[in-house]
């Protein structure tokens, strides 16, 4: 899980870091890296700090989206989506499988092996295949919400 590991290293957190602690670490890093604090720095140093702050922001949002607390809070909606809504489309890039559902929601499943994706492509019933091999086997995160009725 190189993306997850890289983001954890960037923020200096572990797998067991709670959401509250992650938020505190993120805020402290942003206090140091915020571009408004770098008034006396040269332009190239400002650009470097801005790039690092963007990376920290991305890492924080990603780690929040896969945190156990976030997953637990969204579990009822996730369960409803995977059981009641059919898969409309799916894509695969760099071991990340994205499933788009009929209700408008999309989820990313991380570190899905290419061989499993090939089996999904060749499956006659993608929904059934995902119920057996994807939904509860891989770390996932919601990338778009379902449309409100």
Protein backbone atom coordinates (compact mmCIF):
# COMPACT_ATOMS: atom_id res chain seq x y z
CA UNK A 1 0.00 0.00 0.00
CA UNK A 2 2.60 2.48 -1.09
CA UNK A 3 0.25 5.47 -1.41
CA UNK A 4 -1.03 5.00 2.13
CA UNK A 5 2.46 4.39 3.49
CA UNK A 6 3.84 7.45 1.70
CA UNK A 7 1.11 9.67 3.10
CA UNK A 8 1.63 8.33 6.61
CA UNK A 9 5.37 8.99 6.34
CA UNK A 10 4.74 12.52 5.10
CA UNK A 11 2.55 13.32 8.10
CA UNK A 12 4.61 11.24 10.52
CA UNK A 13 1.70 9.09 11.67
CA UNK A 14 1.15 5.37 12.11
CA UNK A 15 -1.63 2.98 11.19
CA UNK A 16 -3.09 3.28 14.70
CA UNK A 17 -3.23 7.10 14.77
CA UNK A 18 -6.73 8.24 15.66
CA UNK A 19 -8.62 10.85 13.66
CA UNK A 20 -8.39 13.47 16.41
CA UNK A 21 -4.60 13.08 16.64
CA UNK A 22 -4.28 13.13 12.83
CA UNK A 23 -6.17 16.42 12.72
CA UNK A 24 -3.88 17.93 15.37
CA UNK A 25 -0.74 16.83 13.51
CA UNK A 26 -2.12 18.23 10.27
CA UNK A 27 -2.94 21.60 11.83
CA UNK A 28 0.52 21.89 13.38
CA UNK A 29 2.19 21.08 10.05
CA UNK A 30 0.05 23.62 8.24
CA UNK A 31 0.97 26.29 10.78
CA UNK A 32 4.62 25.74 9.87
CA UNK A 33 4.13 25.42 6.11
CA UNK A 34 1.43 27.97 5.39
CA UNK A 35 2.58 30.30 2.58
CA UNK A 36 1.45 33.41 4.50
CA UNK A 37 4.04 32.66 7.19
CA UNK A 38 6.88 32.75 4.68
CA UNK A 39 7.08 36.50 4.13
CA UNK A 40 10.86 36.79 4.46
CA UNK A 41 11.68 33.80 2.25
CA UNK A 42 12.83 33.91 -1.35
CA UNK A 43 10.48 32.98 -4.19
CA UNK A 44 11.88 29.47 -4.76
CA UNK A 45 11.58 28.68 -1.03
CA UNK A 46 7.98 29.91 -1.08
CA UNK A 47 7.16 27.68 -4.06
CA UNK A 48 8.77 24.70 -2.36
CA UNK A 49 6.81 25.33 0.84
CA UNK A 50 3.60 25.74 -1.14
CA UNK A 51 4.17 22.42 -2.91
CA UNK A 52 4.85 20.70 0.41
CA UNK A 53 1.74 22.22 1.99
CA UNK A 54 -0.36 20.97 -0.94
CA UNK A 55 1.11 17.49 -0.46
CA UNK A 56 0.30 17.62 3.27
CA UNK A 57 -3.28 18.70 2.52
CA UNK A 58 -3.73 15.87 0.02
CA UNK A 59 -2.23 13.33 2.44
CA UNK A 60 -4.46 14.50 5.28
CA UNK A 61 -7.67 14.32 3.26
CA UNK A 62 -6.75 10.91 1.90
CA UNK A 63 -5.92 9.48 5.35
CA UNK A 64 -9.12 10.94 6.81
CA UNK A 65 -11.14 9.26 4.05
CA UNK A 66 -9.77 5.80 4.93
CA UNK A 67 -9.67 6.26 8.71
CA UNK A 68 -11.61 3.62 10.67
CA UNK A 69 -13.79 6.33 12.23
CA UNK A 70 -14.75 7.66 8.80
CA UNK A 71 -15.44 4.17 7.45
CA UNK A 72 -17.58 3.31 10.48
CA UNK A 73 -19.61 6.51 10.17
CA UNK A 74 -20.30 5.90 6.48
CA UNK A 75 -20.92 2.15 6.78
CA UNK A 76 -24.74 2.29 6.61
CA UNK A 77 -24.66 4.31 3.39
CA UNK A 78 -21.90 2.11 1.94
CA UNK A 79 -23.84 -1.04 2.79
CA UNK A 80 -26.98 0.37 1.18
CA UNK A 81 -25.07 1.35 -1.96
CA UNK A 82 -23.33 -1.99 -2.48
CA UNK A 83 -26.47 -4.01 -1.79
CA UNK A 84 -29.17 -1.93 -3.52
CA UNK A 85 -27.38 -0.16 -6.36
CA UNK A 86 -25.87 -1.79 -9.42
CA UNK A 87 -22.42 -1.07 -10.81
CA UNK A 88 -22.68 1.25 -13.80
CA UNK A 89 -19.00 1.54 -14.67
CA UNK A 90 -15.58 0.72 -13.33
CA UNK A 91 -12.01 1.73 -14.06
CA UNK A 92 -8.58 0.61 -12.94
CA UNK A 93 -5.37 2.59 -12.65
CA UNK A 94 -2.22 1.93 -10.60
CA UNK A 95 -3.83 -0.78 -8.46
CA UNK A 96 -6.83 1.43 -7.68
CA UNK A 97 -10.22 0.15 -8.76
CA UNK A 98 -12.98 2.73 -8.99
CA UNK A 99 -16.56 1.52 -9.02
CA UNK A 100 -19.36 3.86 -10.09
CA UNK A 101 -22.84 2.92 -8.91
CA UNK A 102 -26.28 3.64 -10.32
CA UNK A 103 -27.16 5.92 -7.39
CA UNK A 104 -24.31 8.27 -8.39
CA UNK A 105 -21.82 7.26 -5.71
CA UNK A 106 -18.28 6.14 -6.48
CA UNK A 107 -15.79 4.24 -4.37
CA UNK A 108 -12.07 3.58 -4.80
CA UNK A 109 -10.63 0.26 -3.69
CA UNK A 110 -6.91 0.42 -3.04
CA UNK A 111 -4.19 -2.11 -3.85
CA UNK A 112 -6.39 -4.33 -6.01
CA UNK A 113 -4.16 -6.76 -7.94
CA UNK A 114 -4.34 -6.55 -11.71
CA UNK A 115 -5.20 -10.26 -11.93
CA UNK A 116 -8.35 -9.64 -9.88
CA UNK A 117 -9.28 -6.71 -12.12
CA UNK A 118 -8.90 -8.94 -15.19
CA UNK A 119 -11.23 -11.47 -13.56
CA UNK A 120 -13.73 -8.66 -12.92
CA UNK A 121 -13.60 -7.65 -16.58
CA UNK A 122 -14.25 -11.24 -17.67
CA UNK A 123 -17.04 -11.77 -15.14
CA UNK A 124 -20.60 -12.12 -16.44
CA UNK A 125 -21.96 -10.52 -13.26
CA UNK A 126 -19.66 -7.77 -11.96
CA UNK A 127 -21.90 -7.04 -8.96
CA UNK A 128 -21.76 -10.61 -7.75
CA UNK A 129 -18.00 -10.79 -8.38
CA UNK A 130 -17.45 -7.61 -6.36
CA UNK A 131 -19.60 -8.87 -3.49
CA UNK A 132 -17.42 -11.97 -3.28
CA UNK A 133 -13.96 -10.54 -3.97
CA UNK A 134 -13.82 -6.75 -3.66
CA UNK A 135 -16.25 -5.01 -1.28
CA UNK A 136 -15.00 -6.34 2.03
CA UNK A 137 -11.48 -7.38 1.07
CA UNK A 138 -9.80 -4.06 0.25
CA UNK A 139 -9.38 -0.67 1.85
CA UNK A 140 -11.86 1.67 0.22
CA UNK A 141 -12.88 5.28 0.26
CA UNK A 142 -15.81 7.21 -1.12
CA UNK A 143 -14.84 9.55 -3.94
CA UNK A 144 -18.30 10.91 -4.72
CA UNK A 145 -21.58 10.95 -2.87
CA UNK A 146 -24.84 9.47 -4.04
CA UNK A 147 -27.27 11.91 -5.56
CA UNK A 148 -30.02 13.02 -3.20
CA UNK A 149 -33.52 12.06 -4.34
